[in-house]
Protein backbone atom coordinates (compact mmCIF):
# COMPACT_ATOMS: atom_id res chain seq x y z
CA MET A 1 80.73 -92.41 16.69
CA SER A 2 79.84 -95.85 18.06
CA GLY A 3 80.64 -99.42 17.14
CA GLU A 4 77.42 -100.46 16.43
CA GLU A 5 76.72 -97.32 14.01
CA ASN A 6 79.56 -98.54 12.21
CA LYS A 7 79.06 -101.68 11.98
CA THR A 8 75.27 -100.59 10.48
CA GLN A 9 76.81 -98.25 7.86
CA ALA A 10 79.32 -100.59 6.91
CA ASP A 11 76.69 -103.05 6.58
CA GLY A 12 74.18 -100.16 4.88
CA HIS A 13 77.42 -100.03 1.83
CA ILE A 14 77.85 -103.90 1.35
CA GLY A 15 74.17 -104.13 1.08
CA ALA A 16 73.79 -101.18 -1.41
CA ILE A 17 76.92 -103.03 -3.31
CA GLY A 18 75.14 -106.47 -2.93
CA VAL A 19 71.78 -104.94 -4.91
CA ILE A 20 73.79 -103.04 -7.50
CA ARG A 21 75.55 -106.06 -8.09
CA VAL A 22 72.18 -108.47 -8.64
CA LEU A 23 70.54 -105.60 -11.00
CA ARG A 24 73.90 -105.44 -13.08
CA ASP A 25 73.62 -108.68 -13.37
CA HIS A 26 70.16 -108.69 -15.10
CA GLY A 27 71.12 -105.91 -17.36
CA HIS A 28 70.51 -102.82 -15.48
CA GLN A 29 71.91 -99.72 -14.88
CA ALA A 30 72.21 -98.88 -11.29
CA TYR A 31 74.12 -96.71 -8.75
CA LEU A 32 74.41 -95.07 -5.20
CA ALA A 33 72.64 -92.20 -5.31
CA GLY A 34 71.70 -88.79 -3.52
CA GLY A 35 72.78 -87.84 -0.03
CA CYS A 36 74.69 -91.38 0.64
CA VAL A 37 77.04 -89.99 -2.51
CA ARG A 38 77.42 -86.63 -1.20
CA ASP A 39 78.51 -87.40 2.52
CA ILE A 40 81.11 -90.11 0.73
CA LEU A 41 82.49 -86.97 -1.39
CA LEU A 42 82.73 -84.87 2.15
CA GLY A 43 84.18 -87.82 4.17
CA ILE A 44 81.38 -88.10 5.85
CA GLU A 45 79.55 -91.66 6.96
CA PRO A 46 76.36 -91.72 5.50
CA LYS A 47 73.79 -93.12 7.69
CA ASP A 48 71.57 -94.88 4.74
CA PHE A 49 72.63 -96.20 1.35
CA ASP A 50 69.99 -95.55 -1.70
CA VAL A 51 70.04 -96.73 -5.29
CA ALA A 52 68.85 -95.96 -8.38
CA THR A 53 68.07 -97.70 -11.25
CA ASP A 54 66.55 -98.44 -14.70
CA ALA A 55 64.63 -101.63 -13.10
CA LYS A 56 61.11 -101.04 -12.54
CA PRO A 57 59.25 -101.85 -9.38
CA ASP A 58 57.96 -104.80 -10.70
CA GLU A 59 61.07 -106.51 -12.14
CA ILE A 60 62.92 -105.05 -8.64
CA GLN A 61 60.46 -107.62 -6.81
CA GLY A 62 61.30 -110.28 -8.60
CA TYR A 63 64.48 -109.70 -8.66
CA PHE A 64 64.84 -110.14 -4.39
CA ARG A 65 63.26 -112.12 -1.69
CA LYS A 66 63.04 -109.96 0.48
CA THR A 67 61.15 -106.36 -0.37
CA ALA A 68 58.69 -103.87 0.34
CA SER A 69 56.95 -101.61 -1.70
CA VAL A 70 56.73 -97.80 0.28
CA GLY A 71 56.01 -95.94 -2.82
CA ALA A 72 56.17 -98.53 -6.12
CA ALA A 73 53.99 -95.53 -8.12
CA PHE A 74 56.88 -93.22 -7.54
CA GLY A 75 59.17 -96.08 -8.16
CA VAL A 76 60.56 -96.59 -4.67
CA MET A 77 60.75 -100.29 -3.35
CA LEU A 78 62.79 -101.22 -0.12
CA VAL A 79 65.19 -104.42 -0.23
CA ARG A 80 66.49 -106.14 2.86
CA ASP A 81 68.52 -109.48 0.89
CA PHE A 82 71.55 -108.18 2.63
CA GLY A 83 70.75 -107.41 5.82
CA GLU A 84 70.46 -103.52 5.95
CA THR A 85 66.97 -102.01 4.23
CA ILE A 86 68.13 -100.60 1.12
CA GLU A 87 65.91 -98.20 -0.67
CA VAL A 88 65.89 -98.69 -4.48
CA ALA A 89 64.26 -95.98 -6.67
CA THR A 90 63.67 -96.15 -10.43
CA PHE A 91 65.19 -93.27 -12.51
CA ARG A 92 62.10 -90.75 -13.20
CA SER A 93 60.96 -87.57 -13.83
CA ASP A 94 58.65 -85.85 -12.27
CA GLY A 95 55.08 -84.15 -12.99
CA VAL A 96 53.39 -81.12 -11.89
CA TYR A 97 53.62 -80.77 -7.86
CA SER A 98 49.91 -79.58 -7.72
CA ASP A 99 50.09 -79.97 -3.76
CA SER A 100 53.30 -78.24 -3.20
CA ARG A 101 54.46 -81.71 -2.11
CA ARG A 102 54.90 -84.61 -4.12
CA PRO A 103 54.46 -84.93 -7.64
CA ASP A 104 50.98 -85.75 -9.54
CA SER A 105 52.53 -88.23 -11.45
CA VAL A 106 56.09 -89.44 -12.56
CA GLU A 107 57.54 -90.88 -15.83
CA PHE A 108 60.15 -93.74 -15.74
CA SER A 109 63.24 -92.52 -17.41
CA SER A 110 66.76 -92.11 -17.39
CA PRO A 111 69.68 -91.12 -15.21
CA SER A 112 70.13 -87.76 -16.19
CA GLU A 113 66.17 -87.08 -16.24
CA ASP A 114 66.28 -88.64 -12.08
CA ALA A 115 68.95 -86.05 -11.56
CA LYS A 116 67.46 -82.61 -13.23
CA ARG A 117 64.36 -83.15 -10.41
CA ARG A 118 66.25 -83.33 -7.26
CA ASP A 119 66.23 -80.60 -5.26
CA PHE A 120 70.33 -79.45 -4.56
CA THR A 121 72.67 -80.29 -7.04
CA ILE A 122 74.73 -81.96 -3.98
CA ASN A 123 71.92 -84.30 -3.99
CA ALA A 124 71.76 -84.84 -6.99
CA LEU A 125 75.40 -87.17 -8.11
CA PHE A 126 75.16 -90.80 -9.08
CA MET A 127 78.22 -93.12 -7.84
CA ASP A 128 79.14 -96.53 -9.52
CA PRO A 129 80.89 -98.02 -6.95
CA LEU A 130 81.59 -101.31 -8.96
CA SER A 131 83.81 -99.32 -11.55
CA GLU A 132 87.18 -100.85 -13.01
CA ASP A 133 89.06 -97.49 -13.39
CA GLU A 134 88.93 -96.11 -10.38
CA GLU A 135 87.88 -95.89 -6.79
CA TYR A 136 84.61 -95.12 -7.70
CA THR A 137 83.13 -93.02 -10.65
CA ILE A 138 80.83 -90.12 -10.11
CA ILE A 139 78.04 -89.64 -12.80
CA ASP A 140 77.29 -85.99 -12.78
CA TYR A 141 74.26 -84.52 -14.86
CA VAL A 142 73.89 -80.98 -12.71
CA GLU A 143 78.00 -79.56 -11.75
CA GLY A 144 76.79 -80.91 -8.22
CA LEU A 145 80.94 -82.19 -7.84
CA SER A 146 82.31 -78.50 -8.67
CA ASP A 147 79.82 -77.61 -6.05
CA ILE A 148 80.69 -79.49 -3.37
CA ARG A 149 84.33 -79.04 -3.99
CA ASP A 150 83.30 -75.28 -3.75
CA ARG A 151 81.04 -75.53 -1.33
CA ILE A 152 78.05 -73.96 -2.38
CA LEU A 153 74.45 -75.02 -2.24
CA ARG A 154 72.76 -74.67 -5.36
CA ALA A 155 69.17 -75.54 -6.62
CA VAL A 156 69.03 -77.85 -9.77
CA GLY A 157 68.08 -76.25 -12.53
CA THR A 158 65.43 -72.69 -11.69
CA PRO A 159 65.71 -72.36 -7.66
CA ALA A 160 62.21 -70.79 -8.48
CA ASP A 161 60.57 -73.96 -9.40
CA ARG A 162 62.33 -76.41 -7.20
CA LEU A 163 60.88 -74.25 -4.37
CA ARG A 164 57.55 -74.21 -5.96
CA GLU A 165 57.95 -78.29 -6.18
CA ASP A 166 57.86 -78.76 -2.46
CA HIS A 167 58.31 -75.03 -0.07
CA LEU A 168 60.11 -77.63 2.63
CA ARG A 169 63.06 -77.36 0.22
CA ALA A 170 63.77 -74.02 1.74
CA LEU A 171 64.32 -75.23 4.70
CA ARG A 172 66.00 -78.06 3.49
CA GLY A 173 68.22 -75.74 1.79
CA VAL A 174 69.19 -73.63 5.18
CA ARG A 175 69.74 -77.15 6.93
CA PHE A 176 72.07 -78.11 4.38
CA ALA A 177 73.64 -75.45 4.24
CA ALA A 178 74.02 -74.81 8.07
CA LYS A 179 75.35 -78.63 8.36
CA TYR A 180 78.04 -78.85 5.89
CA GLU A 181 79.37 -75.21 5.95
CA PHE A 182 78.33 -74.25 2.40
CA GLU A 183 77.35 -71.07 1.10
CA ILE A 184 74.02 -70.61 -0.42
CA GLU A 185 74.47 -69.50 -3.75
CA SER A 186 72.82 -66.28 -4.75
CA HIS A 187 69.98 -67.31 -7.36
CA THR A 188 68.59 -69.91 -4.97
CA LYS A 189 69.35 -67.49 -1.78
CA ASP A 190 66.75 -64.71 -3.86
CA ALA A 191 64.18 -67.71 -4.60
CA ILE A 192 64.55 -69.04 -0.97
CA HIS A 193 63.45 -64.93 0.49
CA LYS A 194 61.04 -64.45 -2.67
CA HIS A 195 59.10 -67.82 -1.21
CA ALA A 196 59.49 -67.66 2.30
CA SER A 197 55.96 -66.92 2.89
CA LYS A 198 55.04 -70.28 1.22
CA LEU A 199 56.80 -71.96 3.78
CA SER A 200 53.59 -71.24 6.30
CA GLY A 201 51.53 -73.39 3.50
CA VAL A 202 53.96 -76.64 4.77
CA SER A 203 52.76 -79.13 7.46
CA ILE A 204 53.70 -78.28 11.05
CA GLU A 205 54.95 -82.01 10.85
CA ARG A 206 57.28 -81.58 8.37
CA ILE A 207 58.76 -78.46 9.67
CA GLY A 208 58.66 -79.50 13.15
CA GLU A 209 61.01 -82.39 11.83
CA GLU A 210 63.45 -80.48 9.85
CA LEU A 211 63.84 -78.27 12.65
CA ARG A 212 64.58 -81.04 15.25
CA LYS A 213 67.79 -82.06 12.81
CA MET A 214 68.78 -78.76 12.31
CA LEU A 215 68.48 -78.00 16.57
CA LEU A 216 70.55 -81.40 17.22
CA HIS A 217 72.94 -80.47 14.90
CA SER A 218 76.42 -78.54 15.97
CA SER A 219 75.77 -76.13 13.05
CA ARG A 220 72.21 -74.99 14.90
CA VAL A 221 73.04 -71.55 15.44
CA ARG A 222 74.25 -70.82 11.57
CA ALA A 223 70.67 -72.22 10.90
CA CYS A 224 68.95 -70.45 13.02
CA VAL A 225 71.10 -67.51 11.73
CA LEU A 226 70.30 -68.31 7.92
CA ILE A 227 66.31 -68.36 9.03
CA ASP A 228 66.44 -65.07 9.97
CA GLU A 229 68.68 -63.80 6.61
CA LEU A 230 66.28 -65.73 4.49
CA GLY A 231 63.08 -64.30 6.09
CA LEU A 232 61.92 -67.52 6.93
CA GLY A 233 61.35 -67.07 10.89
CA HIS A 234 58.00 -65.37 10.21
CA ALA A 235 56.65 -68.46 8.06
CA ILE A 236 57.84 -70.81 11.03
CA PHE A 237 56.72 -68.95 14.52
CA GLY A 238 54.43 -66.38 13.28
CA ASP A 239 56.35 -63.42 14.24
CA ASP A 240 59.36 -61.20 13.25
CA THR A 241 61.66 -61.38 16.02
CA SER A 242 65.40 -62.00 15.26
CA PHE A 243 67.29 -64.46 16.68
CA ASP A 244 70.24 -63.41 19.12
CA THR A 245 72.96 -66.17 18.81
CA HIS A 246 74.28 -65.73 22.68
CA VAL A 247 73.06 -68.01 24.45
CA MET A 248 72.69 -71.30 21.84
CA ALA A 249 75.67 -69.83 21.10
CA SER A 250 77.70 -70.67 24.36
CA LEU A 251 75.94 -73.97 24.80
CA PRO A 252 77.61 -77.36 24.21
CA MET A 253 77.78 -79.34 20.85
CA GLU A 254 76.02 -82.32 21.69
CA ILE A 255 72.63 -81.01 23.86
CA ASP A 256 68.99 -82.70 23.81
CA TYR A 257 65.98 -81.33 22.03
CA PRO A 258 64.24 -79.90 24.75
CA LEU A 259 67.57 -77.67 25.76
CA ALA A 260 67.87 -76.42 21.77
CA LEU A 261 63.80 -75.50 21.97
CA ALA A 262 64.60 -73.33 24.95
CA ALA A 263 67.81 -71.73 24.08
CA LEU A 264 65.86 -70.78 20.42
CA ALA A 265 63.37 -69.35 22.57
CA ILE A 266 65.09 -67.51 24.53
CA GLY A 267 67.22 -66.52 21.26
CA ARG A 268 63.85 -65.36 19.94
CA GLY A 269 62.76 -62.98 22.51
CA ALA A 270 61.48 -65.40 25.46
CA VAL A 271 61.69 -63.73 28.65
CA ALA A 272 63.12 -65.64 31.17
CA GLY A 273 60.34 -63.53 34.07
CA GLY A 274 57.62 -65.73 33.23
CA HIS A 275 54.93 -66.95 30.33
CA ALA A 276 56.60 -70.07 29.86
CA GLU A 277 53.34 -71.87 29.77
CA THR A 278 52.36 -69.66 26.62
CA VAL A 279 55.61 -69.86 25.02
CA CYS A 280 55.86 -73.58 24.77
CA ALA A 281 52.51 -73.82 24.04
CA ARG A 282 53.04 -71.74 20.74
CA TYR A 283 56.38 -73.83 20.32
CA ARG A 284 54.47 -76.95 20.31
CA LYS A 285 51.60 -75.69 17.97
CA VAL A 286 53.90 -74.37 15.28
CA LEU A 287 56.58 -77.24 15.43
CA ASP A 288 54.29 -79.95 16.47
CA LEU A 289 56.33 -80.82 19.29
CA SER A 290 55.48 -83.90 21.34
CA ASN A 291 54.11 -83.64 24.69
CA THR A 292 56.99 -84.72 26.27
CA ASP A 293 59.02 -82.69 24.26
CA ARG A 294 56.89 -79.25 25.23
CA ASP A 295 57.09 -80.40 29.11
CA SER A 296 60.65 -80.93 28.90
CA MET A 297 61.21 -77.49 27.65
CA ARG A 298 58.81 -75.52 29.59
CA ALA A 299 60.39 -77.44 33.10
CA ILE A 300 63.72 -75.77 31.79
CA LEU A 301 62.23 -72.35 31.38
CA GLU A 302 60.32 -72.43 34.86
CA CYS A 303 63.87 -73.98 36.60
CA LEU A 304 65.46 -70.89 34.54
CA VAL A 305 62.98 -68.37 36.35
CA GLU A 306 63.50 -69.85 39.80
CA LEU A 307 67.50 -69.58 39.39
CA GLU A 308 67.23 -66.36 38.32
CA LEU A 309 64.66 -64.53 40.00
CA HIS A 310 64.03 -66.40 43.49
CA TRP A 311 67.58 -68.14 43.83
CA ALA A 312 68.60 -65.62 46.98
CA ASP A 313 65.20 -66.07 48.72
CA LEU A 314 64.89 -69.85 48.91
CA GLY A 315 65.71 -71.83 51.98
CA GLU A 316 68.23 -74.98 52.44
CA ALA A 317 66.05 -77.45 51.35
CA GLU A 318 64.07 -75.59 48.40
CA ARG A 319 67.90 -74.74 47.12
CA LYS A 320 68.47 -78.49 47.30
CA ARG A 321 65.36 -79.51 46.18
CA LEU A 322 65.47 -77.14 43.16
CA ALA A 323 69.65 -78.11 42.21
CA SER A 324 68.41 -81.93 42.11
CA LYS A 325 65.36 -81.63 39.27
CA GLU A 326 67.02 -82.90 36.28
CA PRO A 327 65.93 -79.76 34.04
CA SER A 328 68.23 -77.42 36.35
CA ALA A 329 71.14 -78.49 34.79
CA GLY A 330 70.03 -77.43 31.38
CA ALA A 331 68.82 -74.22 32.88
CA LEU A 332 71.86 -73.26 34.48
CA MET A 333 73.72 -73.50 30.83
CA ILE A 334 71.39 -70.81 29.75
CA LEU A 335 71.98 -68.70 32.79
CA ASP A 336 75.83 -69.26 32.29
CA ALA A 337 75.24 -66.79 29.10
CA MET A 338 72.48 -64.93 30.24
CA ASP A 339 74.10 -63.95 34.06
CA PRO A 340 77.68 -65.43 34.17
CA ASP A 341 78.01 -64.04 37.95
CA LEU A 342 74.99 -65.23 39.02
CA ALA A 343 75.58 -68.53 37.35
CA THR A 344 79.16 -69.21 38.96
CA THR A 345 77.14 -67.76 42.71
CA ILE A 346 75.00 -70.41 42.32
CA HIS A 347 77.45 -72.94 40.77
CA SER A 348 79.59 -72.78 44.18
CA GLU A 349 76.41 -73.00 46.24
CA ILE A 350 75.04 -76.30 44.85
CA GLU A 351 78.74 -77.58 45.02
CA ARG A 352 78.50 -76.57 49.11
CA LEU A 353 75.21 -78.12 49.39
CA ARG A 354 76.26 -81.44 47.78
CA ALA A 355 78.50 -81.70 51.15
CA ARG A 356 75.95 -81.24 53.50
CA PHE A 357 73.64 -83.77 54.54
CA GLY A 358 73.56 -86.47 52.60
CA GLY A 359 73.82 -84.39 49.73
CA LEU A 360 71.52 -82.61 46.99
CA ASN A 361 68.93 -85.75 46.73
CA PRO A 362 69.43 -88.42 49.27
CA ALA A 363 67.08 -91.55 49.89
CA PRO A 364 64.03 -90.86 51.98
CA LEU A 365 64.54 -92.08 55.35
CA ILE A 366 60.69 -92.56 55.79
CA THR A 367 58.37 -93.58 53.66
CA GLY A 368 54.50 -94.27 52.93
CA GLY A 369 54.77 -97.37 54.47
CA ASP A 370 56.30 -96.32 57.15
CA LEU A 371 53.09 -93.67 57.86
CA ILE A 372 50.76 -96.62 57.20
CA GLY A 373 52.81 -98.38 60.07
CA LEU A 374 52.20 -95.71 61.92
CA GLY A 375 48.46 -95.63 61.72
CA HIS A 376 48.38 -92.83 59.43
CA LEU A 377 45.67 -93.39 56.50
CA PRO A 378 46.92 -93.21 52.53
CA GLY A 379 45.42 -90.02 51.56
CA PRO A 380 46.00 -86.70 50.05
CA LYS A 381 47.85 -85.41 53.46
CA PHE A 382 50.85 -88.34 53.01
CA LYS A 383 52.51 -86.01 50.22
CA ALA A 384 52.38 -83.15 52.13
CA ILE A 385 53.83 -85.17 55.52
CA LEU A 386 56.64 -86.93 53.84
CA ASP A 387 57.57 -83.63 52.07
CA ALA A 388 57.69 -81.90 55.50
CA VAL A 389 59.72 -84.56 56.71
CA TYR A 390 61.98 -84.80 53.91
CA ASP A 391 63.21 -80.69 53.78
CA GLU A 392 63.92 -81.86 57.83
CA GLN A 393 66.13 -83.75 56.23
CA LEU A 394 67.21 -81.89 53.72
CA GLU A 395 68.11 -79.04 56.35
CA GLY A 396 70.02 -81.90 58.53
CA ARG A 397 67.38 -81.26 61.76
CA VAL A 398 66.49 -85.04 60.57
CA GLN A 399 69.30 -87.36 59.87
CA THR A 400 67.95 -90.63 60.87
CA ARG A 401 65.18 -92.80 60.48
CA LEU A 402 64.00 -92.88 64.44
CA GLN A 403 64.09 -89.09 64.34
CA ALA A 404 62.12 -88.93 61.16
CA ILE A 405 59.44 -91.20 62.88
CA GLU A 406 59.70 -88.92 66.06
CA PHE A 407 59.32 -85.93 63.75
CA VAL A 408 56.15 -87.11 62.61
CA GLN A 409 54.30 -88.27 66.02
CA GLU A 410 55.22 -84.69 67.47
CA ARG A 411 54.82 -82.71 64.73
CA VAL A 412 52.34 -84.14 62.86
CA ASP A 413 49.93 -86.34 64.91
């Protein structure tokens, strides 16, 4: 973790305690709530610190100078008086979730009622950071503390009710279970499996964001396995393909999203022999990928095809061009798992090429400006001329600027 991240988290903790002190000074209940409590108990530095209180939104606005409403109707305010933004929410109970995402109405209530409306017991704890008796005091209305101790993921109350309120909770449950290495409690697991098809009604934006969080975490393999085991794959991807863990499990812990997506596609049956455009278009649709993520994923899969099927047929210049492409690094990681012998051969050849004629990606000996100086008019032929000269340079037949100019004069003119 970087020093800047550590500072942000420390500032967030200090800010949250500052908010709690102000609310307590005005006679209110106020605690740390939700995910930050869970992470502290697990020995993980929280990314955010949230506060829950019995103060109403208008009261919160009156106690602090820098506030913003992000959901006053739901009792949620942002406070920035202490530097970092702290989310402050009023204790509430929720009404019916007719859209399976947000409650139609809320009623400001008590800490116990607020805990009962939350998704999983590990996210329904409160902490008093100002306790005089101990380092901190945990307020637990749902047996979340024992579930954290036993490493169990359990829905609050009746699992089916929690899932009906928001079907995305099925995927959130997968992410939490994978990330924290928890076992999903049997009734919660059964409810997720039973309601799996309902996930297809959740927006692709929300599904895509959950998948992004899963795939960027080192627990990505278990998350994908759980998606299969719980029957969620069809609702997300539109097919019943089982996930083969081999490729994804071979990748480093820290990888970027496009590489994780490419490994996911391979694990779910995408064939390296082609159709990268079709596969990536489908993933873009079902996961709400940005154009950049889609294009980067496709570039990795296309490089994989070139490496796996065509490397032996490429000349030196073509091999250097392919090896110097940014997506080739990710494609080679996948190939290491798919065909270790071929990957080893290619790695060795790339190292050999790296030592020849200026390396894999030397600076071009001539540019478009040089072509203009030689009397060529800018146009579509420019790229073809420059590519031809660069191929000669990569293969060592042209090694100086003068030789490059002579090549253009002799071969192009």
